[in-house]
Amino acid sequence: MNSILGARIRSLRESKGFTQEQIAENMGCTRQKYARIEKGLIDISYASLNSIAQTLGISVEEITSSVNNAYKEQPVFRANGDFAQEDKFQYISTMIDTFYAHRKLYNSVRQVDLDE
């Protein structure tokens, strides 16, 4: 889990334009210790997470959401509240087309293997 948190912290740090030195300075630790946090080599405390989040201007949940896997698909609705049934049909149609394209490609590759 440390490596997942570390990768998430690094991604957020880079997207905000901070250096490791800047974060480490705000945390009151060395850059080397902070680098080990990003690499997932050491355990990270809630206090450290909170300090990193404050420095980046985000909430702790934005860091831990990658661990909590908070992303959930939302159903498609229209602005007036009606369920977008035809939107589902379009999605299914696109998926079927994609499936057949992959199937066609698979069969063509498989045929080449059989010919050899």
N, C-alpha and C. Protein backbone atom coordinates (compact mmCIF):
# COMPACT_ATOMS: atom_id res chain seq x y z
N MET A 1 0.82 -1.18 0.00
CA MET A 1 0.00 0.00 0.00
C MET A 1 0.87 1.25 0.00
N ASN A 2 2.03 1.19 0.62
CA ASN A 2 2.92 2.34 0.64
C ASN A 2 3.32 2.77 -0.76
N SER A 3 3.54 1.80 -1.65
CA SER A 3 3.94 2.16 -3.00
C SER A 3 2.80 2.82 -3.77
N ILE A 4 1.57 2.41 -3.49
CA ILE A 4 0.41 3.04 -4.14
C ILE A 4 0.26 4.47 -3.67
N LEU A 5 0.34 4.67 -2.36
CA LEU A 5 0.26 6.03 -1.81
C LEU A 5 1.40 6.89 -2.33
N GLY A 6 2.60 6.33 -2.33
CA GLY A 6 3.76 7.08 -2.81
C GLY A 6 3.61 7.52 -4.25
N ALA A 7 3.13 6.61 -5.10
CA ALA A 7 2.94 6.94 -6.51
C ALA A 7 1.88 8.03 -6.67
N ARG A 8 0.84 7.94 -5.87
CA ARG A 8 -0.23 8.94 -5.92
C ARG A 8 0.31 10.31 -5.46
N ILE A 9 1.08 10.32 -4.39
CA ILE A 9 1.65 11.56 -3.88
C ILE A 9 2.58 12.18 -4.93
N ARG A 10 3.40 11.35 -5.54
CA ARG A 10 4.32 11.86 -6.57
C ARG A 10 3.55 12.46 -7.74
N SER A 11 2.52 11.76 -8.18
CA SER A 11 1.71 12.25 -9.29
C SER A 11 1.07 13.59 -8.96
N LEU A 12 0.51 13.69 -7.76
CA LEU A 12 -0.12 14.95 -7.35
C LEU A 12 0.91 16.07 -7.21
N ARG A 13 2.07 15.74 -6.64
CA ARG A 13 3.14 16.74 -6.47
C ARG A 13 3.57 17.28 -7.83
N GLU A 14 3.81 16.38 -8.78
CA GLU A 14 4.26 16.80 -10.10
C GLU A 14 3.19 17.62 -10.82
N SER A 15 1.92 17.22 -10.67
CA SER A 15 0.85 17.96 -11.34
C SER A 15 0.69 19.37 -10.77
N LYS A 16 1.07 19.56 -9.50
CA LYS A 16 0.98 20.88 -8.87
C LYS A 16 2.25 21.69 -9.06
N GLY A 17 3.30 21.08 -9.62
CA GLY A 17 4.53 21.80 -9.92
C GLY A 17 5.47 21.98 -8.74
N PHE A 18 5.36 21.13 -7.72
CA PHE A 18 6.24 21.21 -6.57
C PHE A 18 7.43 20.28 -6.75
N THR A 19 8.55 20.64 -6.12
CA THR A 19 9.72 19.76 -6.10
C THR A 19 9.70 18.95 -4.81
N GLN A 20 10.48 17.88 -4.77
CA GLN A 20 10.60 17.10 -3.55
C GLN A 20 11.16 17.96 -2.42
N GLU A 21 12.10 18.84 -2.74
CA GLU A 21 12.70 19.70 -1.73
C GLU A 21 11.67 20.61 -1.07
N GLN A 22 10.77 21.16 -1.87
CA GLN A 22 9.75 22.06 -1.34
C GLN A 22 8.81 21.33 -0.38
N ILE A 23 8.39 20.15 -0.76
CA ILE A 23 7.48 19.37 0.10
C ILE A 23 8.21 18.98 1.38
N ALA A 24 9.43 18.49 1.24
CA ALA A 24 10.21 18.06 2.41
C ALA A 24 10.42 19.22 3.38
N GLU A 25 10.71 20.39 2.85
CA GLU A 25 10.92 21.56 3.70
C GLU A 25 9.65 21.89 4.49
N ASN A 26 8.50 21.85 3.83
CA ASN A 26 7.23 22.13 4.52
C ASN A 26 6.88 21.05 5.53
N MET A 27 7.34 19.82 5.28
CA MET A 27 7.09 18.73 6.23
C MET A 27 8.07 18.75 7.39
N GLY A 28 9.20 19.42 7.21
CA GLY A 28 10.22 19.43 8.25
C GLY A 28 11.06 18.17 8.25
N CYS A 29 11.30 17.63 7.06
CA CYS A 29 12.15 16.43 6.95
C CYS A 29 13.12 16.63 5.80
N THR A 30 13.99 15.66 5.60
CA THR A 30 14.96 15.75 4.51
C THR A 30 14.32 15.33 3.20
N ARG A 31 14.93 15.76 2.11
CA ARG A 31 14.44 15.36 0.79
C ARG A 31 14.55 13.85 0.62
N GLN A 32 15.61 13.26 1.19
CA GLN A 32 15.81 11.82 1.08
C GLN A 32 14.67 11.05 1.75
N LYS A 33 14.26 11.51 2.93
CA LYS A 33 13.15 10.84 3.61
C LYS A 33 11.87 10.98 2.81
N TYR A 34 11.64 12.18 2.27
CA TYR A 34 10.45 12.39 1.46
C TYR A 34 10.49 11.50 0.20
N ALA A 35 11.66 11.38 -0.40
CA ALA A 35 11.80 10.52 -1.59
C ALA A 35 11.46 9.08 -1.25
N ARG A 36 11.85 8.62 -0.06
CA ARG A 36 11.52 7.25 0.36
C ARG A 36 10.01 7.09 0.55
N ILE A 37 9.34 8.16 0.97
CA ILE A 37 7.87 8.10 1.08
C ILE A 37 7.27 7.91 -0.30
N GLU A 38 7.72 8.70 -1.27
CA GLU A 38 7.20 8.58 -2.63
C GLU A 38 7.49 7.22 -3.25
N LYS A 39 8.61 6.64 -2.91
CA LYS A 39 8.96 5.32 -3.44
C LYS A 39 8.26 4.19 -2.71
N GLY A 40 7.61 4.52 -1.58
CA GLY A 40 6.90 3.49 -0.81
C GLY A 40 7.81 2.65 0.05
N LEU A 41 9.01 3.15 0.33
CA LEU A 41 9.99 2.38 1.10
C LEU A 41 9.77 2.48 2.60
N ILE A 42 9.07 3.53 3.05
CA ILE A 42 8.80 3.67 4.48
C ILE A 42 7.31 3.92 4.68
N ASP A 43 6.83 3.59 5.88
CA ASP A 43 5.44 3.83 6.21
C ASP A 43 5.20 5.33 6.33
N ILE A 44 4.01 5.74 5.98
CA ILE A 44 3.66 7.15 6.06
C ILE A 44 2.58 7.33 7.11
N SER A 45 2.78 8.29 7.97
CA SER A 45 1.82 8.55 9.04
C SER A 45 0.72 9.48 8.53
N TYR A 46 -0.38 9.51 9.29
CA TYR A 46 -1.46 10.43 8.93
C TYR A 46 -0.98 11.87 9.02
N ALA A 47 -0.14 12.17 9.99
CA ALA A 47 0.39 13.52 10.12
C ALA A 47 1.19 13.91 8.88
N SER A 48 1.97 12.98 8.36
CA SER A 48 2.73 13.25 7.13
C SER A 48 1.80 13.44 5.94
N LEU A 49 0.79 12.58 5.83
CA LEU A 49 -0.20 12.72 4.76
C LEU A 49 -0.87 14.08 4.83
N ASN A 50 -1.24 14.47 6.04
CA ASN A 50 -1.91 15.75 6.24
C ASN A 50 -0.99 16.90 5.85
N SER A 51 0.27 16.83 6.21
CA SER A 51 1.23 17.87 5.88
C SER A 51 1.43 17.98 4.37
N ILE A 52 1.54 16.84 3.71
CA ILE A 52 1.69 16.82 2.25
C ILE A 52 0.46 17.42 1.59
N ALA A 53 -0.72 17.01 2.06
CA ALA A 53 -1.97 17.50 1.49
C ALA A 53 -2.09 19.01 1.65
N GLN A 54 -1.74 19.52 2.83
CA GLN A 54 -1.80 20.97 3.04
C GLN A 54 -0.84 21.71 2.13
N THR A 55 0.34 21.18 1.96
CA THR A 55 1.33 21.81 1.09
C THR A 55 0.84 21.84 -0.35
N LEU A 56 0.20 20.76 -0.79
CA LEU A 56 -0.29 20.67 -2.16
C LEU A 56 -1.63 21.40 -2.35
N GLY A 57 -2.26 21.79 -1.23
CA GLY A 57 -3.55 22.47 -1.32
C GLY A 57 -4.69 21.55 -1.66
N ILE A 58 -4.61 20.31 -1.19
CA ILE A 58 -5.65 19.32 -1.45
C ILE A 58 -6.06 18.67 -0.13
N SER A 59 -7.07 17.81 -0.19
CA SER A 59 -7.47 17.08 1.01
C SER A 59 -6.74 15.74 1.07
N VAL A 60 -6.65 15.18 2.26
CA VAL A 60 -6.01 13.88 2.43
C VAL A 60 -6.75 12.82 1.60
N GLU A 61 -8.06 12.98 1.49
CA GLU A 61 -8.87 12.01 0.73
C GLU A 61 -8.46 11.95 -0.73
N GLU A 62 -7.98 13.08 -1.27
CA GLU A 62 -7.53 13.06 -2.66
C GLU A 62 -6.29 12.19 -2.83
N ILE A 63 -5.51 12.08 -1.79
CA ILE A 63 -4.33 11.20 -1.82
C ILE A 63 -4.75 9.75 -1.62
N THR A 64 -5.59 9.52 -0.62
CA THR A 64 -5.95 8.15 -0.27
C THR A 64 -7.03 7.56 -1.17
N SER A 65 -7.65 8.37 -2.02
CA SER A 65 -8.71 7.85 -2.88
C SER A 65 -8.19 6.78 -3.82
N SER A 66 -6.89 6.84 -4.18
CA SER A 66 -6.33 5.80 -5.04
C SER A 66 -6.27 4.47 -4.31
N VAL A 67 -6.16 4.50 -2.99
CA VAL A 67 -6.14 3.28 -2.20
C VAL A 67 -7.56 2.82 -1.93
N ASN A 68 -8.44 3.77 -1.64
CA ASN A 68 -9.83 3.44 -1.33
C ASN A 68 -10.61 3.04 -2.56
N ASN A 69 -10.06 3.36 -3.75
CA ASN A 69 -10.72 3.05 -5.01
C ASN A 69 -12.12 3.66 -5.04
N ALA A 70 -12.19 4.94 -4.77
CA ALA A 70 -13.45 5.65 -4.61
C ALA A 70 -14.19 5.88 -5.92
N TYR A 71 -13.55 5.65 -7.07
CA TYR A 71 -14.20 5.90 -8.34
C TYR A 71 -15.31 4.88 -8.58
N LYS A 72 -16.48 5.40 -8.86
CA LYS A 72 -17.61 4.54 -9.19
C LYS A 72 -18.28 5.11 -10.43
N GLU A 73 -18.72 4.24 -11.31
CA GLU A 73 -19.40 4.70 -12.50
C GLU A 73 -20.77 5.23 -12.13
N GLN A 74 -21.16 6.29 -12.80
CA GLN A 74 -22.45 6.91 -12.56
C GLN A 74 -23.37 6.60 -13.74
N PRO A 75 -24.65 6.34 -13.46
CA PRO A 75 -25.58 6.10 -14.57
C PRO A 75 -25.76 7.38 -15.38
N VAL A 76 -26.12 7.22 -16.65
CA VAL A 76 -26.31 8.35 -17.54
C VAL A 76 -27.75 8.83 -17.42
N PHE A 77 -27.92 10.13 -17.13
CA PHE A 77 -29.24 10.73 -17.04
C PHE A 77 -29.30 11.96 -17.90
N ARG A 78 -30.49 12.27 -18.35
CA ARG A 78 -30.70 13.50 -19.10
C ARG A 78 -30.91 14.65 -18.14
N ALA A 79 -30.82 15.86 -18.65
CA ALA A 79 -30.99 17.05 -17.83
C ALA A 79 -32.38 17.13 -17.21
N ASN A 80 -33.39 16.64 -17.93
CA ASN A 80 -34.76 16.71 -17.40
C ASN A 80 -35.07 15.55 -16.45
N GLY A 81 -34.11 14.68 -16.18
CA GLY A 81 -34.30 13.61 -15.22
C GLY A 81 -34.69 12.28 -15.83
N ASP A 82 -35.02 12.25 -17.14
CA ASP A 82 -35.37 10.99 -17.78
C ASP A 82 -34.12 10.17 -18.04
N PHE A 83 -34.25 8.87 -17.91
CA PHE A 83 -33.12 7.98 -18.17
C PHE A 83 -32.82 7.99 -19.66
N ALA A 84 -31.58 8.11 -20.01
CA ALA A 84 -31.17 8.21 -21.41
C ALA A 84 -31.03 6.82 -22.01
N GLN A 85 -32.16 6.21 -22.33
CA GLN A 85 -32.17 4.84 -22.84
C GLN A 85 -31.40 4.71 -24.15
N GLU A 86 -31.61 5.66 -25.07
CA GLU A 86 -30.90 5.56 -26.35
C GLU A 86 -29.41 5.74 -26.18
N ASP A 87 -28.99 6.48 -25.15
CA ASP A 87 -27.56 6.61 -24.89
C ASP A 87 -26.96 5.26 -24.51
N LYS A 88 -27.70 4.45 -23.77
CA LYS A 88 -27.24 3.11 -23.42
C LYS A 88 -27.12 2.25 -24.68
N PHE A 89 -28.10 2.37 -25.58
CA PHE A 89 -28.06 1.59 -26.81
C PHE A 89 -26.86 1.99 -27.67
N GLN A 90 -26.57 3.28 -27.71
CA GLN A 90 -25.41 3.74 -28.46
C GLN A 90 -24.13 3.17 -27.86
N TYR A 91 -24.03 3.16 -26.53
CA TYR A 91 -22.86 2.61 -25.85
C TYR A 91 -22.71 1.12 -26.16
N ILE A 92 -23.81 0.39 -26.07
CA ILE A 92 -23.77 -1.05 -26.35
C ILE A 92 -23.40 -1.30 -27.80
N SER A 93 -23.95 -0.51 -28.71
CA SER A 93 -23.62 -0.66 -30.12
C SER A 93 -22.13 -0.42 -30.36
N THR A 94 -21.58 0.59 -29.74
CA THR A 94 -20.14 0.88 -29.86
C THR A 94 -19.31 -0.27 -29.31
N MET A 95 -19.73 -0.83 -28.17
CA MET A 95 -19.01 -1.95 -27.58
C MET A 95 -19.04 -3.18 -28.50
N ILE A 96 -20.19 -3.44 -29.12
CA ILE A 96 -20.31 -4.59 -30.03
C ILE A 96 -19.40 -4.38 -31.24
N ASP A 97 -19.41 -3.16 -31.79
CA ASP A 97 -18.53 -2.87 -32.93
C ASP A 97 -17.07 -3.08 -32.56
N THR A 98 -16.70 -2.63 -31.38
CA THR A 98 -15.33 -2.81 -30.90
C THR A 98 -14.99 -4.29 -30.74
N PHE A 99 -15.93 -5.05 -30.19
CA PHE A 99 -15.73 -6.48 -30.02
C PHE A 99 -15.48 -7.16 -31.36
N TYR A 100 -16.30 -6.86 -32.35
CA TYR A 100 -16.13 -7.49 -33.65
C TYR A 100 -14.84 -7.06 -34.34
N ALA A 101 -14.44 -5.81 -34.14
CA ALA A 101 -13.16 -5.36 -34.71
C ALA A 101 -12.01 -6.14 -34.10
N HIS A 102 -12.04 -6.32 -32.77
CA HIS A 102 -10.99 -7.09 -32.11
C HIS A 102 -11.04 -8.55 -32.52
N ARG A 103 -12.23 -9.08 -32.68
CA ARG A 103 -12.38 -10.48 -33.09
C ARG A 103 -11.81 -10.68 -34.50
N LYS A 104 -12.11 -9.74 -35.38
CA LYS A 104 -11.61 -9.82 -36.74
C LYS A 104 -10.09 -9.78 -36.75
N LEU A 105 -9.52 -8.87 -35.97
CA LEU A 105 -8.06 -8.77 -35.87
C LEU A 105 -7.47 -10.05 -35.29
N TYR A 106 -8.08 -10.58 -34.24
CA TYR A 106 -7.60 -11.82 -33.62
C TYR A 106 -7.61 -12.96 -34.63
N ASN A 107 -8.70 -13.10 -35.37
CA ASN A 107 -8.80 -14.18 -36.34
C ASN A 107 -7.78 -14.03 -37.46
N SER A 108 -7.49 -12.79 -37.88
CA SER A 108 -6.51 -12.61 -38.94
C SER A 108 -5.11 -12.97 -38.45
N VAL A 109 -4.79 -12.61 -37.21
CA VAL A 109 -3.49 -12.97 -36.64
C VAL A 109 -3.41 -14.48 -36.44
N ARG A 110 -4.48 -15.06 -35.95
CA ARG A 110 -4.52 -16.51 -35.73
C ARG A 110 -4.36 -17.27 -37.05
N GLN A 111 -4.98 -16.76 -38.13
CA GLN A 111 -4.86 -17.41 -39.43
C GLN A 111 -3.42 -17.39 -39.91
N VAL A 112 -2.72 -16.29 -39.69
CA VAL A 112 -1.30 -16.21 -40.09
C VAL A 112 -0.51 -17.25 -39.32
N ASP A 113 -0.79 -17.40 -38.02
CA ASP A 113 -0.08 -18.41 -37.21
C ASP A 113 -0.36 -19.82 -37.72
N LEU A 114 -1.58 -20.09 -38.13
CA LEU A 114 -1.94 -21.43 -38.61
C LEU A 114 -1.29 -21.72 -39.95
N ASP A 115 -1.14 -20.68 -40.79
CA ASP A 115 -0.53 -20.85 -42.11
C ASP A 115 0.95 -21.17 -42.01
N GLU A 116 1.58 -20.71 -40.95
CA GLU A 116 3.03 -20.93 -40.83
C GLU A 116 3.29 -22.28 -40.34
